[in-house]
Every structure is written in structure tokens, then in C-alpha cells.
């Protein structure tokens, strides 16, 4: 991913108002992020732990979505969960249900879609082995890193399709 400016990031959001996008807390150290290792930019708001954000390229355009973490009780460190985007295994607290308001009238009516994702939204770094989950061993796969990155991109695109979908008909 090419480095992005704060203006580009804020202009990319599709499921919130321009005013809401202007108030989003951007990741600290934006210029120092490992851009070459990011297929999409994902971060959680340290000032509002129930909020997360993803900015990805889709059909040649930047698309940003806001995410919310529903309130839940304590999670066991003895259980494990898998991110539905990158398929990285984590202790249960390493994966969160993140819900995105749908785009357009459907989202304004309160409709959302959700997915279990890496709680820190650092999927590209886990796939590349640049960040390690708290689980002691990564699941062994026969896929190459490039194939795992492609799978991650397809899974994220499928989730974004659901955010954009306004009817039950598939998005083309």
C-alpha cells in the first residue's frame, strides 16, 4: 500500500458523515507505518476502544469504513479464535466482532454487517509474520505467503461487498 495522507484517509470513509470522518483519530505515527507491508490500513482508536477503522483500495479507489465493537463480557485466555479476514489464530481476546454500518439508506436505518477480525486490525502484518499472535504456534498451512495475502484480500473484499450491499442481490 502506498503511504496515505490524513486528508486521503478522511476523504475515503463511506459509511459515516464527513463531520464524523473529520473527527476520527488517525493512527499515531502515520508517516512511520510499515506501508510496504500493509495491504490495507486498519487501526483501533486508543481513545475510544469500541471503535476501529479500515481503509483499503477497492476498484482503484480508497474506501474507508468505520467499525464498532459491541459490548461483551470478559473473554477467556484459554480459548482461541480465528480472524475471518486473515485466518490468524489468536487467544479469544485477540479477535473481536467488528460491525460496520452499511452504506446509504440501509446504514442510516441502522443496518450493520459484522465479522470476527483481528482485534488490532493488523491482518497484513500477521500474514507476513511481522507480528506474532499470542498463541504459541501459528497454524501450519500449505499456502504460500502470497496465496495467504490473496485470500486475505478476497475475504476483506467480501466483507466490503456486504457493507455496500443494499439488497439481497449479489454485488457485481
Protein backbone atom coordinates (compact mmCIF):
# COMPACT_ATOMS: atom_id res chain seq x y z
CA UNK A 1 0.00 0.00 0.00
CA UNK A 2 1.23 3.47 -0.81
CA UNK A 3 1.55 5.91 2.11
CA UNK A 4 -1.65 7.87 2.69
CA UNK A 5 -2.15 11.38 3.99
CA UNK A 6 -4.64 12.23 6.70
CA UNK A 7 -6.71 14.07 4.07
CA UNK A 8 -6.84 10.99 1.81
CA UNK A 9 -7.81 8.77 4.73
CA UNK A 10 -10.59 11.06 5.96
CA UNK A 11 -11.99 11.50 2.41
CA UNK A 12 -12.20 7.72 1.92
CA UNK A 13 -14.88 6.95 4.52
CA UNK A 14 -18.16 5.76 3.00
CA UNK A 15 -20.29 4.73 5.99
CA UNK A 16 -20.16 7.89 8.06
CA UNK A 17 -20.73 11.59 7.56
CA UNK A 18 -17.96 14.00 6.54
CA UNK A 19 -18.20 15.53 10.01
CA UNK A 20 -17.69 12.13 11.65
CA UNK A 21 -14.77 11.41 9.31
CA UNK A 22 -13.14 14.73 10.26
CA UNK A 23 -13.22 13.70 13.95
CA UNK A 24 -11.69 10.23 13.51
CA UNK A 25 -8.49 9.71 15.47
CA UNK A 26 -5.91 8.64 12.91
CA UNK A 27 -3.18 6.13 13.78
CA UNK A 28 -0.23 7.57 15.66
CA UNK A 29 2.95 7.84 13.63
CA UNK A 30 1.13 7.73 10.30
CA UNK A 31 4.30 8.56 8.34
CA UNK A 32 6.26 5.79 10.10
CA UNK A 33 3.80 2.97 9.44
CA UNK A 34 5.21 -0.06 7.57
CA UNK A 35 3.36 0.89 4.37
CA UNK A 36 5.18 -1.68 2.22
CA UNK A 37 3.77 -4.44 4.47
CA UNK A 38 0.19 -3.13 4.52
CA UNK A 39 -2.40 -4.38 2.06
CA UNK A 40 -4.94 -2.27 3.91
CA UNK A 41 -4.73 0.16 6.79
CA UNK A 42 -6.56 -0.94 9.91
CA UNK A 43 -6.45 0.58 13.39
CA UNK A 44 -8.34 0.89 16.64
CA UNK A 45 -8.96 4.25 18.30
CA UNK A 46 -6.98 4.28 21.58
CA UNK A 47 -9.29 7.00 22.95
CA UNK A 48 -12.44 5.04 22.09
CA UNK A 49 -11.66 1.29 22.34
CA UNK A 50 -15.05 0.35 20.87
CA UNK A 51 -14.11 1.93 17.50
CA UNK A 52 -12.00 0.65 14.65
CA UNK A 53 -11.30 1.71 11.09
CA UNK A 54 -10.24 0.07 7.84
CA UNK A 55 -9.05 1.84 4.68
CA UNK A 56 -8.47 -0.31 1.60
CA UNK A 57 -8.15 0.10 -2.12
CA UNK A 58 -11.19 -1.19 -3.98
CA UNK A 59 -11.59 -0.94 -7.75
CA UNK A 60 -8.83 1.68 -7.88
CA UNK A 61 -10.40 3.90 -5.19
CA UNK A 62 -9.73 4.25 -1.47
CA UNK A 63 -12.62 3.04 0.66
CA UNK A 64 -12.71 3.61 4.40
CA UNK A 65 -15.21 2.07 6.80
CA UNK A 66 -15.88 2.73 10.45
CA UNK A 67 -16.32 -0.25 12.73
CA UNK A 68 -17.82 -0.68 16.18
CA UNK A 69 -17.14 -3.35 18.77
CA UNK A 70 -20.32 -4.49 20.50
CA UNK A 71 -20.07 -4.59 24.30
CA UNK A 72 -19.34 -8.04 25.65
CA UNK A 73 -18.26 -9.67 28.86
CA UNK A 74 -14.78 -10.91 29.77
CA UNK A 75 -13.17 -13.37 27.40
CA UNK A 76 -11.20 -16.44 28.34
CA UNK A 77 -7.48 -16.54 27.66
CA UNK A 78 -7.79 -20.35 27.44
CA UNK A 79 -9.94 -20.32 24.30
CA UNK A 80 -8.80 -19.42 20.82
CA UNK A 81 -10.49 -17.72 17.89
CA UNK A 82 -9.70 -17.20 14.21
CA UNK A 83 -9.91 -13.94 12.29
CA UNK A 84 -12.32 -14.27 9.36
CA UNK A 85 -10.19 -11.94 7.22
CA UNK A 86 -6.65 -13.35 7.54
CA UNK A 87 -7.40 -16.66 9.31
CA UNK A 88 -4.82 -15.99 12.03
CA UNK A 89 -5.47 -17.86 15.25
CA UNK A 90 -5.48 -15.82 18.45
CA UNK A 91 -6.38 -16.24 22.08
CA UNK A 92 -10.03 -15.21 22.31
CA UNK A 93 -9.19 -11.62 23.26
CA UNK A 94 -7.15 -11.28 20.04
CA UNK A 95 -10.27 -11.47 17.87
CA UNK A 96 -13.25 -9.10 18.12
CA UNK A 97 -16.63 -8.94 16.49
CA UNK A 98 -16.48 -5.70 14.49
CA UNK A 99 -19.67 -4.28 12.99
CA UNK A 100 -19.78 -1.80 10.11
CA UNK A 101 -22.77 0.38 9.36
CA UNK A 102 -23.97 -0.32 5.82
CA UNK A 103 -23.60 2.35 3.15
CA UNK A 104 -26.55 4.52 2.12
CA UNK A 105 -30.14 4.48 3.34
CA UNK A 106 -29.79 0.98 4.75
CA UNK A 107 -26.97 2.14 7.06
CA UNK A 108 -28.87 5.28 8.02
CA UNK A 109 -31.71 2.95 9.08
CA UNK A 110 -29.27 1.24 11.46
CA UNK A 111 -28.37 -1.86 9.43
CA UNK A 112 -24.91 -3.28 10.01
CA UNK A 113 -22.77 -6.23 8.99
CA UNK A 114 -20.15 -7.81 11.18
CA UNK A 115 -17.17 -10.10 11.09
CA UNK A 116 -14.73 -11.56 13.58
CA UNK A 117 -11.41 -9.84 12.89
CA UNK A 118 -8.01 -9.44 14.49
CA UNK A 119 -8.73 -7.10 17.41
CA UNK A 120 -5.85 -4.81 16.42
CA UNK A 121 -6.79 -4.93 12.68
CA UNK A 122 -3.19 -5.81 11.79
CA UNK A 123 -4.07 -8.73 9.48
CA UNK A 124 -1.40 -7.94 6.82
CA UNK A 125 1.32 -7.97 9.47
CA UNK A 126 0.16 -11.35 10.86
CA UNK A 127 0.04 -12.91 7.39
CA UNK A 128 3.58 -11.68 6.66
CA UNK A 129 4.88 -12.86 10.04
CA UNK A 130 5.81 -9.28 11.04
CA UNK A 131 3.55 -9.53 14.10
CA UNK A 132 3.00 -12.65 16.16
CA UNK A 133 -0.28 -13.61 17.82
CA UNK A 134 -0.23 -14.59 21.49
CA UNK A 135 -0.85 -18.22 20.52
CA UNK A 136 2.45 -20.05 20.78
CA UNK A 137 2.32 -21.56 17.31
CA UNK A 138 0.76 -20.44 14.05
CA UNK A 139 -1.46 -22.94 12.28
CA UNK A 140 0.53 -24.73 9.59
CA UNK A 141 -0.72 -24.16 6.06
CA UNK A 142 0.46 -25.36 2.69
CA UNK A 143 -0.32 -21.97 1.10
CA UNK A 144 2.50 -19.60 0.27
CA UNK A 145 2.58 -16.13 1.81
CA UNK A 146 1.40 -14.65 -1.49
CA UNK A 147 -1.57 -17.06 -1.57
CA UNK A 148 -2.45 -16.19 2.04
CA UNK A 149 -2.29 -12.47 1.15
CA UNK A 150 -4.61 -13.08 -1.80
CA UNK A 151 -7.03 -15.00 0.43
CA UNK A 152 -6.97 -12.12 2.94
CA UNK A 153 -7.71 -9.59 0.18
CA UNK A 154 -10.63 -11.70 -1.09
CA UNK A 155 -12.05 -12.08 2.43
CA UNK A 156 -11.80 -8.33 3.07
CA UNK A 157 -13.40 -7.60 -0.31
CA UNK A 158 -16.26 -9.99 0.54
CA UNK A 159 -16.83 -8.12 3.80
CA UNK A 160 -16.76 -4.77 1.98
CA UNK A 161 -19.29 -6.17 -0.53
CA UNK A 162 -21.66 -6.72 2.40
CA UNK A 163 -21.11 -3.15 3.63
CA UNK A 164 -22.05 -1.82 0.17
CA UNK A 165 -24.90 -4.27 -0.49
CA UNK A 166 -28.28 -2.56 -0.26
CA UNK A 167 -30.40 -5.52 -1.40
CA UNK A 168 -30.26 -9.28 -1.15
CA UNK A 169 -28.97 -9.44 -4.74
CA UNK A 170 -25.24 -10.14 -5.11
CA UNK A 171 -22.95 -7.22 -5.89
CA UNK A 172 -21.25 -7.46 -9.27
